[in-house]
Every structure is written in structure tokens, then in C-alpha cells.
Amino acid sequence: MKFPLHCPACNQEMTVVKLHCKSCQTEVTGRFALPLFMQLDADEQDFILQFLLDSGSLKEMANKMGKSYPTVRNKLDELIEKVKSLQV
């Protein structure tokens, strides 16, 4: 099951309000921002993971994905811009 980023009823951004320790059962409540990478959709997270596993080789990623190098490079550029916009 994927972590929901948007409300299934109104499509607004979700917020974490409770954290739970499964070891000692401690619970912390409040309003917590999602970590930056959790704000990316599943495909974007998968792209970043593959980028890391391929040691940052876009050529290797393009081969594995069956896409051209420029296509993969464009995807990375789009992702960089999205991450920059989320940091604001």
C-alpha cells in the first residue's frame, strides 16, 4: 500500500498528525511536515532510487528503462525543478 499524499475525498495535501513507536508504544501527536522525498509521487521516488542504485549513471538508467538518454535526462531535470520548488 502506497503512502497517500493527497486526500482521497477532496485531493488536498495530507498531513501527518500522529507518530507511534511499535517498540514501547509511545505516541507523539502534532502536525508534522512530510519529508521532502515523501512529497514526491511513487514514480518519482522510484526514479531517484534507481538513480542511486545505478550510481548516478543516466546512460545505465536509459538502457534499463528502454528509453533514450535525453528522455531520462529530461525526467531528471523535471525532478530537480520539482524538488527545488518543494524546498521553498
C-alpha atoms as a PDB file:
ATOM      1  CA  MET A   1       0.000   0.000   0.000  1.00  0.00           C
ATOM      2  CA  LYS A   2       1.420   3.373  -1.024  1.00  0.00           C
ATOM      3  CA  PHE A   3       1.562   6.267   1.434  1.00  0.00           C
ATOM      4  CA  PRO A   4      -1.249   8.687   0.478  1.00  0.00           C
ATOM      5  CA  LEU A   5      -0.043  12.192  -0.359  1.00  0.00           C
ATOM      6  CA  HIS A   6      -3.478  13.617  -1.133  1.00  0.00           C
ATOM      7  CA  CYS A   7      -6.875  13.222   0.493  1.00  0.00           C
ATOM      8  CA  PRO A   8      -8.990  10.624  -1.321  1.00  0.00           C
ATOM      9  CA  ALA A   9     -12.114  12.753  -0.729  1.00  0.00           C
ATOM     10  CA  CYS A  10     -11.014  16.288  -1.711  1.00  0.00           C
ATOM     11  CA  ASN A  11      -7.497  15.790  -3.179  1.00  0.00           C
ATOM     12  CA  GLN A  12      -5.886  18.270  -0.754  1.00  0.00           C
ATOM     13  CA  GLU A  13      -2.408  17.584   0.670  1.00  0.00           C
ATOM     14  CA  MET A  14      -2.337  15.186   3.626  1.00  0.00           C
ATOM     15  CA  THR A  15      -0.539  15.983   6.911  1.00  0.00           C
ATOM     16  CA  VAL A  16       0.984  13.575   9.416  1.00  0.00           C
ATOM     17  CA  VAL A  17      -0.566  14.135  12.853  1.00  0.00           C
ATOM     18  CA  LYS A  18       0.494  11.078  14.842  1.00  0.00           C
ATOM     19  CA  LEU A  19       3.686   9.055  15.177  1.00  0.00           C
ATOM     20  CA  HIS A  20       3.804   5.720  17.013  1.00  0.00           C
ATOM     21  CA  CYS A  21       6.704   3.613  18.336  1.00  0.00           C
ATOM     22  CA  LYS A  22       5.898  -0.077  17.908  1.00  0.00           C
ATOM     23  CA  SER A  23       8.593  -0.988  20.450  1.00  0.00           C
ATOM     24  CA  CYS A  24       7.473   0.974  23.524  1.00  0.00           C
ATOM     25  CA  GLN A  25       4.054   2.193  22.307  1.00  0.00           C
ATOM     26  CA  THR A  26       4.959   5.871  22.745  1.00  0.00           C
ATOM     27  CA  GLU A  27       2.799   8.164  20.622  1.00  0.00           C
ATOM     28  CA  VAL A  28       3.523  11.731  19.584  1.00  0.00           C
ATOM     29  CA  THR A  29       0.775  13.906  18.129  1.00  0.00           C
ATOM     30  CA  GLY A  30       1.044  17.220  16.329  1.00  0.00           C
ATOM     31  CA  ARG A  31       1.292  18.494  12.765  1.00  0.00           C
ATOM     32  CA  PHE A  32       4.372  17.220  11.002  1.00  0.00           C
ATOM     33  CA  ALA A  33       5.506  18.107   7.505  1.00  0.00           C
ATOM     34  CA  LEU A  34       6.253  15.175   5.252  1.00  0.00           C
ATOM     35  CA  PRO A  35       9.941  14.749   4.431  1.00  0.00           C
ATOM     36  CA  LEU A  36      10.745  16.227   1.025  1.00  0.00           C
ATOM     37  CA  PHE A  37      11.114  12.890  -0.773  1.00  0.00           C
ATOM     38  CA  MET A  38       7.823  11.641   0.668  1.00  0.00           C
ATOM     39  CA  GLN A  39       6.157  14.573  -1.121  1.00  0.00           C
ATOM     40  CA  LEU A  40       7.143  13.079  -4.473  1.00  0.00           C
ATOM     41  CA  ASP A  41       4.846  10.597  -6.194  1.00  0.00           C
ATOM     42  CA  ALA A  42       5.761   6.907  -6.329  1.00  0.00           C
ATOM     43  CA  ASP A  43       7.223   7.097  -9.863  1.00  0.00           C
ATOM     44  CA  GLU A  44       9.464   9.993  -8.880  1.00  0.00           C
ATOM     45  CA  GLN A  45      10.639   8.172  -5.771  1.00  0.00           C
ATOM     46  CA  ASP A  46      11.373   5.072  -7.874  1.00  0.00           C
ATOM     47  CA  PHE A  47      13.359   7.199 -10.337  1.00  0.00           C
ATOM     48  CA  ILE A  48      15.521   8.607  -7.539  1.00  0.00           C
ATOM     49  CA  LEU A  49      16.085   5.139  -6.081  1.00  0.00           C
ATOM     50  CA  GLN A  50      17.110   3.773  -9.476  1.00  0.00           C
ATOM     51  CA  PHE A  51      19.397   6.785  -9.998  1.00  0.00           C
ATOM     52  CA  LEU A  52      21.165   5.963  -6.728  1.00  0.00           C
ATOM     53  CA  LEU A  53      21.385   2.240  -7.449  1.00  0.00           C
ATOM     54  CA  ASP A  54      22.861   2.996 -10.879  1.00  0.00           C
ATOM     55  CA  SER A  55      25.480   5.268  -9.255  1.00  0.00           C
ATOM     56  CA  GLY A  56      24.027   8.300 -10.976  1.00  0.00           C
ATOM     57  CA  SER A  57      24.539   6.872 -14.460  1.00  0.00           C
ATOM     58  CA  LEU A  58      21.772   8.193 -16.676  1.00  0.00           C
ATOM     59  CA  LYS A  59      23.137   6.087 -19.519  1.00  0.00           C
ATOM     60  CA  GLU A  60      22.660   2.926 -17.430  1.00  0.00           C
ATOM     61  CA  MET A  61      19.179   4.039 -16.416  1.00  0.00           C
ATOM     62  CA  ALA A  62      18.230   4.732 -20.033  1.00  0.00           C
ATOM     63  CA  ASN A  63      19.376   1.236 -21.022  1.00  0.00           C
ATOM     64  CA  LYS A  64      17.411  -0.412 -18.204  1.00  0.00           C
ATOM     65  CA  MET A  65      14.301   1.675 -18.880  1.00  0.00           C
ATOM     66  CA  GLY A  66      14.451   1.179 -22.628  1.00  0.00           C
ATOM     67  CA  LYS A  67      14.408   4.939 -23.167  1.00  0.00           C
ATOM     68  CA  SER A  68      16.772   7.394 -24.767  1.00  0.00           C
ATOM     69  CA  TYR A  69      19.389   9.249 -22.743  1.00  0.00           C
ATOM     70  CA  PRO A  70      17.749  12.654 -23.486  1.00  0.00           C
ATOM     71  CA  THR A  71      14.384  11.352 -22.235  1.00  0.00           C
ATOM     72  CA  VAL A  72      15.917  10.197 -18.949  1.00  0.00           C
ATOM     73  CA  ARG A  73      17.911  13.444 -18.657  1.00  0.00           C
ATOM     74  CA  ASN A  74      14.692  15.452 -19.149  1.00  0.00           C
ATOM     75  CA  LYS A  75      12.983  13.409 -16.423  1.00  0.00           C
ATOM     76  CA  LEU A  76      15.872  14.166 -14.062  1.00  0.00           C
ATOM     77  CA  ASP A  77      15.726  17.886 -14.906  1.00  0.00           C
ATOM     78  CA  GLU A  78      11.965  17.934 -14.214  1.00  0.00           C
ATOM     79  CA  LEU A  79      12.536  16.161 -10.915  1.00  0.00           C
ATOM     80  CA  ILE A  80      15.270  18.628  -9.930  1.00  0.00           C
ATOM     81  CA  GLU A  81      12.884  21.530 -10.582  1.00  0.00           C
ATOM     82  CA  LYS A  82      10.137  19.881  -8.554  1.00  0.00           C
ATOM     83  CA  VAL A  83      12.478  19.276  -5.611  1.00  0.00           C
ATOM     84  CA  LYS A  84      13.633  22.897  -5.758  1.00  0.00           C
ATOM     85  CA  SER A  85      10.010  24.093  -5.694  1.00  0.00           C
ATOM     86  CA  LEU A  86       9.247  21.879  -2.686  1.00  0.00           C
ATOM     87  CA  GLN A  87      12.187  23.309  -0.739  1.00  0.00           C
ATOM     88  CA  VAL A  88      10.687  26.797  -0.754  1.00  0.00           C
END
